[in-house]
Amino acid sequence: MSLLLAQGMILRHFDEPPPLGGNAEKEARYRCIPYALLMEWEKPRTWHEARENLRRVRRLSQRSRFGHADILR
């Protein structure tokens, strides 16, 4: 994810689908380490837009103790 953000890509959607059915033990394990992550990325339309997005990511990650991942929350 960091590599894509560093290239100026724009993350439009991020989702961790919840488990459906199954026993409680498997559901608990799935919630700790999800089997699937869904991401929708968008390529910037212009070089200027990519540069501005990269600046935004860097500025937000400097404020966050969690880095890039916290930006998406």
PDB file of N, CA and C in Angstrom:
ATOM      1  N   MET A   1       0.822  -1.184   0.000  1.00  0.00           N
ATOM      2  CA  MET A   1       0.000   0.000   0.000  1.00  0.00           C
ATOM      3  C   MET A   1       0.867   1.249   0.000  1.00  0.00           C
ATOM      4  N   SER A   2       1.928   1.232   0.794  1.00  0.00           N
ATOM      5  CA  SER A   2       2.808   2.406   0.861  1.00  0.00           C
ATOM      6  C   SER A   2       3.431   2.718  -0.491  1.00  0.00           C
ATOM      7  N   LEU A   3       3.781   1.671  -1.234  1.00  0.00           N
ATOM      8  CA  LEU A   3       4.381   1.876  -2.544  1.00  0.00           C
ATOM      9  C   LEU A   3       3.406   2.582  -3.490  1.00  0.00           C
ATOM     10  N   LEU A   4       2.152   2.153  -3.487  1.00  0.00           N
ATOM     11  CA  LEU A   4       1.146   2.789  -4.347  1.00  0.00           C
ATOM     12  C   LEU A   4       0.894   4.237  -3.937  1.00  0.00           C
ATOM     13  N   LEU A   5       0.817   4.484  -2.640  1.00  0.00           N
ATOM     14  CA  LEU A   5       0.632   5.860  -2.170  1.00  0.00           C
ATOM     15  C   LEU A   5       1.832   6.725  -2.520  1.00  0.00           C
ATOM     16  N   ALA A   6       3.027   6.156  -2.426  1.00  0.00           N
ATOM     17  CA  ALA A   6       4.239   6.907  -2.750  1.00  0.00           C
ATOM     18  C   ALA A   6       4.322   7.260  -4.233  1.00  0.00           C
ATOM     19  N   GLN A   7       3.637   6.491  -5.077  1.00  0.00           N
ATOM     20  CA  GLN A   7       3.617   6.782  -6.510  1.00  0.00           C
ATOM     21  C   GLN A   7       2.517   7.772  -6.883  1.00  0.00           C
ATOM     22  N   GLY A   8       1.771   8.239  -5.875  1.00  0.00           N
ATOM     23  CA  GLY A   8       0.736   9.231  -6.128  1.00  0.00           C
ATOM     24  C   GLY A   8      -0.629   8.647  -6.428  1.00  0.00           C
ATOM     25  N   MET A   9      -0.759   7.319  -6.354  1.00  0.00           N
ATOM     26  CA  MET A   9      -2.064   6.701  -6.594  1.00  0.00           C
ATOM     27  C   MET A   9      -3.044   7.142  -5.513  1.00  0.00           C
ATOM     28  N   ILE A  10      -4.328   7.141  -5.850  1.00  0.00           N
ATOM     29  CA  ILE A  10      -5.368   7.602  -4.933  1.00  0.00           C
ATOM     30  C   ILE A  10      -6.215   6.401  -4.513  1.00  0.00           C
ATOM     31  N   LEU A  11      -6.262   6.135  -3.224  1.00  0.00           N
ATOM     32  CA  LEU A  11      -7.081   5.036  -2.703  1.00  0.00           C
ATOM     33  C   LEU A  11      -8.499   5.554  -2.533  1.00  0.00           C
ATOM     34  N   ARG A  12      -9.426   5.026  -3.331  1.00  0.00           N
ATOM     35  CA  ARG A  12     -10.818   5.478  -3.298  1.00  0.00           C
ATOM     36  C   ARG A  12     -11.704   4.640  -2.383  1.00  0.00           C
ATOM     37  N   HIS A  13     -11.351   3.370  -2.191  1.00  0.00           N
ATOM     38  CA  HIS A  13     -12.191   2.498  -1.358  1.00  0.00           C
ATOM     39  C   HIS A  13     -11.314   1.432  -0.718  1.00  0.00           C
ATOM     40  N   PHE A  14     -11.558   1.161   0.571  1.00  0.00           N
ATOM     41  CA  PHE A  14     -10.861   0.107   1.304  1.00  0.00           C
ATOM     42  C   PHE A  14     -11.890  -0.611   2.161  1.00  0.00           C
ATOM     43  N   ASP A  15     -11.876  -1.949   2.114  1.00  0.00           N
ATOM     44  CA  ASP A  15     -12.860  -2.710   2.876  1.00  0.00           C
ATOM     45  C   ASP A  15     -12.261  -4.042   3.318  1.00  0.00           C
ATOM     46  N   GLU A  16     -12.637  -4.473   4.507  1.00  0.00           N
ATOM     47  CA  GLU A  16     -12.323  -5.798   5.022  1.00  0.00           C
ATOM     48  C   GLU A  16     -13.662  -6.488   5.259  1.00  0.00           C
ATOM     49  N   PRO A  17     -14.103  -7.329   4.329  1.00  0.00           N
ATOM     50  CA  PRO A  17     -15.410  -7.967   4.494  1.00  0.00           C
ATOM     51  C   PRO A  17     -15.475  -8.799   5.770  1.00  0.00           C
ATOM     52  N   PRO A  18     -16.571  -8.716   6.514  1.00  0.00           N
ATOM     53  CA  PRO A  18     -16.713  -9.510   7.748  1.00  0.00           C
ATOM     54  C   PRO A  18     -16.993 -10.976   7.415  1.00  0.00           C
ATOM     55  N   PRO A  19     -16.682 -11.877   8.345  1.00  0.00           N
ATOM     56  CA  PRO A  19     -16.992 -13.289   8.106  1.00  0.00           C
ATOM     57  C   PRO A  19     -18.504 -13.514   8.113  1.00  0.00           C
ATOM     58  N   LEU A  20     -18.945 -14.436   7.279  1.00  0.00           N
ATOM     59  CA  LEU A  20     -20.370 -14.780   7.214  1.00  0.00           C
ATOM     60  C   LEU A  20     -20.529 -16.248   7.559  1.00  0.00           C
ATOM     61  N   GLY A  21     -21.167 -16.515   8.682  1.00  0.00           N
ATOM     62  CA  GLY A  21     -21.396 -17.889   9.100  1.00  0.00           C
ATOM     63  C   GLY A  21     -20.143 -18.537   9.673  1.00  0.00           C
ATOM     64  N   GLY A  22     -20.164 -19.857   9.791  1.00  0.00           N
ATOM     65  CA  GLY A  22     -19.024 -20.576  10.357  1.00  0.00           C
ATOM     66  C   GLY A  22     -19.079 -20.588  11.873  1.00  0.00           C
ATOM     67  N   ASN A  23     -18.148 -21.311  12.474  1.00  0.00           N
ATOM     68  CA  ASN A  23     -18.155 -21.381  13.942  1.00  0.00           C
ATOM     69  C   ASN A  23     -17.465 -20.151  14.532  1.00  0.00           C
ATOM     70  N   ALA A  24     -17.671 -19.945  15.804  1.00  0.00           N
ATOM     71  CA  ALA A  24     -17.185 -18.737  16.489  1.00  0.00           C
ATOM     72  C   ALA A  24     -15.658 -18.660  16.503  1.00  0.00           C
ATOM     73  N   GLU A  25     -14.986 -19.808  16.627  1.00  0.00           N
ATOM     74  CA  GLU A  25     -13.522 -19.803  16.662  1.00  0.00           C
ATOM     75  C   GLU A  25     -12.933 -19.324  15.336  1.00  0.00           C
ATOM     76  N   LYS A  26     -13.483 -19.801  14.230  1.00  0.00           N
ATOM     77  CA  LYS A  26     -13.003 -19.365  12.916  1.00  0.00           C
ATOM     78  C   LYS A  26     -13.310 -17.893  12.679  1.00  0.00           C
ATOM     79  N   GLU A  27     -14.466 -17.439  13.119  1.00  0.00           N
ATOM     80  CA  GLU A  27     -14.824 -16.024  12.967  1.00  0.00           C
ATOM     81  C   GLU A  27     -13.853 -15.132  13.743  1.00  0.00           C
ATOM     82  N   ALA A  28     -13.499 -15.535  14.952  1.00  0.00           N
ATOM     83  CA  ALA A  28     -12.569 -14.752  15.773  1.00  0.00           C
ATOM     84  C   ALA A  28     -11.202 -14.681  15.108  1.00  0.00           C
ATOM     85  N   ARG A  29     -10.743 -15.801  14.558  1.00  0.00           N
ATOM     86  CA  ARG A  29      -9.447 -15.827  13.876  1.00  0.00           C
ATOM     87  C   ARG A  29      -9.487 -14.942  12.623  1.00  0.00           C
ATOM     88  N   TYR A  30     -10.577 -14.993  11.904  1.00  0.00           N
ATOM     89  CA  TYR A  30     -10.724 -14.182  10.696  1.00  0.00           C
ATOM     90  C   TYR A  30     -10.688 -12.691  11.035  1.00  0.00           C
ATOM     91  N   ARG A  31     -11.314 -12.309  12.148  1.00  0.00           N
ATOM     92  CA  ARG A  31     -11.341 -10.891  12.522  1.00  0.00           C
ATOM     93  C   ARG A  31      -9.944 -10.376  12.900  1.00  0.00           C
ATOM     94  N   CYS A  32      -9.074 -11.262  13.411  1.00  0.00           N
ATOM     95  CA  CYS A  32      -7.696 -10.863  13.739  1.00  0.00           C
ATOM     96  C   CYS A  32      -6.838 -10.722  12.489  1.00  0.00           C
ATOM     97  N   ILE A  33      -6.973 -11.660  11.561  1.00  0.00           N
ATOM     98  CA  ILE A  33      -6.209 -11.645  10.312  1.00  0.00           C
ATOM     99  C   ILE A  33      -7.185 -11.924   9.180  1.00  0.00           C
ATOM    100  N   PRO A  34      -7.679 -10.887   8.537  1.00  0.00           N
ATOM    101  CA  PRO A  34      -8.680 -11.102   7.479  1.00  0.00           C
ATOM    102  C   PRO A  34      -8.100 -11.854   6.275  1.00  0.00           C
ATOM    103  N   TYR A  35      -8.944 -12.644   5.644  1.00  0.00           N
ATOM    104  CA  TYR A  35      -8.542 -13.398   4.460  1.00  0.00           C
ATOM    105  C   TYR A  35      -8.588 -12.547   3.199  1.00  0.00           C
ATOM    106  N   ALA A  36      -9.325 -11.461   3.231  1.00  0.00           N
ATOM    107  CA  ALA A  36      -9.477 -10.637   2.029  1.00  0.00           C
ATOM    108  C   ALA A  36      -9.482  -9.156   2.383  1.00  0.00           C
ATOM    109  N   LEU A  37      -8.843  -8.387   1.550  1.00  0.00           N
ATOM    110  CA  LEU A  37      -8.884  -6.930   1.629  1.00  0.00           C
ATOM    111  C   LEU A  37      -9.291  -6.437   0.245  1.00  0.00           C
ATOM    112  N   LEU A  38     -10.251  -5.557   0.187  1.00  0.00           N
ATOM    113  CA  LEU A  38     -10.696  -5.001  -1.085  1.00  0.00           C
ATOM    114  C   LEU A  38     -10.249  -3.549  -1.169  1.00  0.00           C
ATOM    115  N   MET A  39      -9.546  -3.236  -2.252  1.00  0.00           N
ATOM    116  CA  MET A  39      -9.070  -1.872  -2.445  1.00  0.00           C
ATOM    117  C   MET A  39      -9.392  -1.418  -3.867  1.00  0.00           C
ATOM    118  N   GLU A  40      -9.815  -0.189  -3.988  1.00  0.00           N
ATOM    119  CA  GLU A  40     -10.043   0.413  -5.294  1.00  0.00           C
ATOM    120  C   GLU A  40      -9.106   1.610  -5.420  1.00  0.00           C
ATOM    121  N   TRP A  41      -8.209   1.539  -6.398  1.00  0.00           N
ATOM    122  CA  TRP A  41      -7.221   2.588  -6.611  1.00  0.00           C
ATOM    123  C   TRP A  41      -7.563   3.368  -7.875  1.00  0.00           C
ATOM    124  N   GLU A  42      -7.156   4.619  -7.884  1.00  0.00           N
ATOM    125  CA  GLU A  42      -7.361   5.455  -9.063  1.00  0.00           C
ATOM    126  C   GLU A  42      -6.034   6.093  -9.455  1.00  0.00           C
ATOM    127  N   LYS A  43      -5.750   6.024 -10.733  1.00  0.00           N
ATOM    128  CA  LYS A  43      -4.549   6.674 -11.254  1.00  0.00           C
ATOM    129  C   LYS A  43      -4.836   8.166 -11.380  1.00  0.00           C
ATOM    130  N   PRO A  44      -3.946   9.014 -10.889  1.00  0.00           N
ATOM    131  CA  PRO A  44      -4.162  10.462 -11.015  1.00  0.00           C
ATOM    132  C   PRO A  44      -4.269  10.867 -12.488  1.00  0.00           C
ATOM    133  N   ARG A  45      -5.123  11.837 -12.759  1.00  0.00           N
ATOM    134  CA  ARG A  45      -5.327  12.282 -14.140  1.00  0.00           C
ATOM    135  C   ARG A  45      -4.125  13.054 -14.667  1.00  0.00           C
ATOM    136  N   THR A  46      -3.444  13.769 -13.792  1.00  0.00           N
ATOM    137  CA  THR A  46      -2.305  14.584 -14.228  1.00  0.00           C
ATOM    138  C   THR A  46      -1.136  14.385 -13.279  1.00  0.00           C
ATOM    139  N   TRP A  47       0.043  14.777 -13.740  1.00  0.00           N
ATOM    140  CA  TRP A  47       1.231  14.722 -12.902  1.00  0.00           C
ATOM    141  C   TRP A  47       1.058  15.636 -11.688  1.00  0.00           C
ATOM    142  N   HIS A  48       0.440  16.784 -11.903  1.00  0.00           N
ATOM    143  CA  HIS A  48       0.212  17.733 -10.807  1.00  0.00           C
ATOM    144  C   HIS A  48      -0.676  17.100  -9.722  1.00  0.00           C
ATOM    145  N   GLU A  49      -1.722  16.397 -10.124  1.00  0.00           N
ATOM    146  CA  GLU A  49      -2.610  15.745  -9.154  1.00  0.00           C
ATOM    147  C   GLU A  49      -1.852  14.670  -8.372  1.00  0.00           C
ATOM    148  N   ALA A  50      -0.973  13.919  -9.039  1.00  0.00           N
ATOM    149  CA  ALA A  50      -0.173  12.892  -8.350  1.00  0.00           C
ATOM    150  C   ALA A  50       0.752  13.535  -7.326  1.00  0.00           C
ATOM    151  N   ARG A  51       1.382  14.624  -7.701  1.00  0.00           N
ATOM    152  CA  ARG A  51       2.295  15.322  -6.795  1.00  0.00           C
ATOM    153  C   ARG A  51       1.548  15.870  -5.580  1.00  0.00           C
ATOM    154  N   GLU A  52       0.383  16.457  -5.798  1.00  0.00           N
ATOM    155  CA  GLU A  52      -0.408  16.991  -4.679  1.00  0.00           C
ATOM    156  C   GLU A  52      -0.890  15.878  -3.761  1.00  0.00           C
ATOM    157  N   ASN A  53      -1.275  14.737  -4.324  1.00  0.00           N
ATOM    158  CA  ASN A  53      -1.717  13.615  -3.504  1.00  0.00           C
ATOM    159  C   ASN A  53      -0.562  13.080  -2.662  1.00  0.00           C
ATOM    160  N   LEU A  54       0.618  12.995  -3.247  1.00  0.00           N
ATOM    161  CA  LEU A  54       1.791  12.536  -2.504  1.00  0.00           C
ATOM    162  C   LEU A  54       2.125  13.491  -1.362  1.00  0.00           C
ATOM    163  N   ARG A  55       2.026  14.767  -1.605  1.00  0.00           N
ATOM    164  CA  ARG A  55       2.264  15.755  -0.536  1.00  0.00           C
ATOM    165  C   ARG A  55       1.252  15.583   0.594  1.00  0.00           C
ATOM    166  N   ARG A  56      -0.007  15.353   0.244  1.00  0.00           N
ATOM    167  CA  ARG A  56      -1.051  15.156   1.247  1.00  0.00           C
ATOM    168  C   ARG A  56      -0.754  13.923   2.105  1.00  0.00           C
ATOM    169  N   VAL A  57      -0.368  12.820   1.459  1.00  0.00           N
ATOM    170  CA  VAL A  57      -0.058  11.584   2.182  1.00  0.00           C
ATOM    171  C   VAL A  57       1.116  11.807   3.130  1.00  0.00           C
ATOM    172  N   ARG A  58       2.159  12.462   2.651  1.00  0.00           N
ATOM    173  CA  ARG A  58       3.319  12.720   3.515  1.00  0.00           C
ATOM    174  C   ARG A  58       2.949  13.607   4.698  1.00  0.00           C
ATOM    175  N   ARG A  59       2.167  14.636   4.451  1.00  0.00           N
ATOM    176  CA  ARG A  59       1.766  15.555   5.522  1.00  0.00           C
ATOM    177  C   ARG A  59       0.938  14.821   6.576  1.00  0.00           C
ATOM    178  N   LEU A  60      -0.014  13.999   6.133  1.00  0.00           N
ATOM    179  CA  LEU A  60      -0.854  13.269   7.080  1.00  0.00           C
ATOM    180  C   LEU A  60      -0.070  12.190   7.813  1.00  0.00           C
ATOM    181  N   SER A  61       0.857  11.526   7.132  1.00  0.00           N
ATOM    182  CA  SER A  61       1.611  10.463   7.798  1.00  0.00           C
ATOM    183  C   SER A  61       2.577  11.036   8.838  1.00  0.00           C
ATOM    184  N   GLN A  62       3.021  12.264   8.652  1.00  0.00           N
ATOM    185  CA  GLN A  62       3.884  12.884   9.656  1.00  0.00           C
ATOM    186  C   GLN A  62       3.117  13.172  10.940  1.00  0.00           C
ATOM    187  N   ARG A  63       1.824  13.439  10.826  1.00  0.00           N
ATOM    188  CA  ARG A  63       1.001  13.712  12.005  1.00  0.00           C
ATOM    189  C   ARG A  63       0.572  12.442  12.708  1.00  0.00           C
ATOM    190  N   SER A  64       0.627  11.320  12.011  1.00  0.00           N
ATOM    191  CA  SER A  64       0.112  10.072  12.550  1.00  0.00           C
ATOM    192  C   SER A  64       1.244   9.197  13.064  1.00  0.00           C
ATOM    193  N   ARG A  65       1.050   8.582  14.202  1.00  0.00           N
ATOM    194  CA  ARG A  65       2.053   7.661  14.723  1.00  0.00           C
ATOM    195  C   ARG A  65       1.966   6.308  14.013  1.00  0.00           C
ATOM    196  N   PHE A  66       0.893   6.082  13.232  1.00  0.00           N
ATOM    197  CA  PHE A  66       0.706   4.809  12.538  1.00  0.00           C
ATOM    198  C   PHE A  66       1.170   4.836  11.089  1.00  0.00           C
ATOM    199  N   GLY A  67       1.504   5.992  10.546  1.00  0.00           N
ATOM    200  CA  GLY A  67       1.965   6.065   9.163  1.00  0.00           C
ATOM    201  C   GLY A  67       0.830   6.061   8.166  1.00  0.00           C
ATOM    202  N   HIS A  68       1.077   5.552   6.968  1.00  0.00           N
ATOM    203  CA  HIS A  68       0.115   5.611   5.871  1.00  0.00           C
ATOM    204  C   HIS A  68      -1.206   4.912   6.200  1.00  0.00           C
ATOM    205  N   ALA A  69      -1.163   3.782   6.889  1.00  0.00           N
ATOM    206  CA  ALA A  69      -2.382   3.019   7.145  1.00  0.00           C
ATOM    207  C   ALA A  69      -3.416   3.828   7.906  1.00  0.00           C
ATOM    208  N   ASP A  70      -2.958   4.699   8.786  1.00  0.00           N
ATOM    209  CA  ASP A  70      -3.895   5.488   9.589  1.00  0.00           C
ATOM    210  C   ASP A  70      -4.619   6.543   8.750  1.00  0.00           C
ATOM    211  N   ILE A  71      -4.067   6.929   7.628  1.00  0.00           N
ATOM    212  CA  ILE A  71      -4.674   7.933   6.768  1.00  0.00           C
ATOM    213  C   ILE A  71      -6.013   7.442   6.235  1.00  0.00           C
ATOM    214  N   LEU A  72      -6.118   6.145   6.047  1.00  0.00           N
ATOM    215  CA  LEU A  72      -7.300   5.579   5.419  1.00  0.00           C
ATOM    216  C   LEU A  72      -8.472   5.424   6.364  1.00  0.00           C
ATOM    217  N   ARG A  73      -8.274   5.622   7.626  1.00  0.00           N
ATOM    218  CA  ARG A  73      -9.347   5.428   8.595  1.00  0.00           C
ATOM    219  C   ARG A  73     -10.190   6.653   8.741  1.00  0.00           C
TER     220      ARG A  73
END
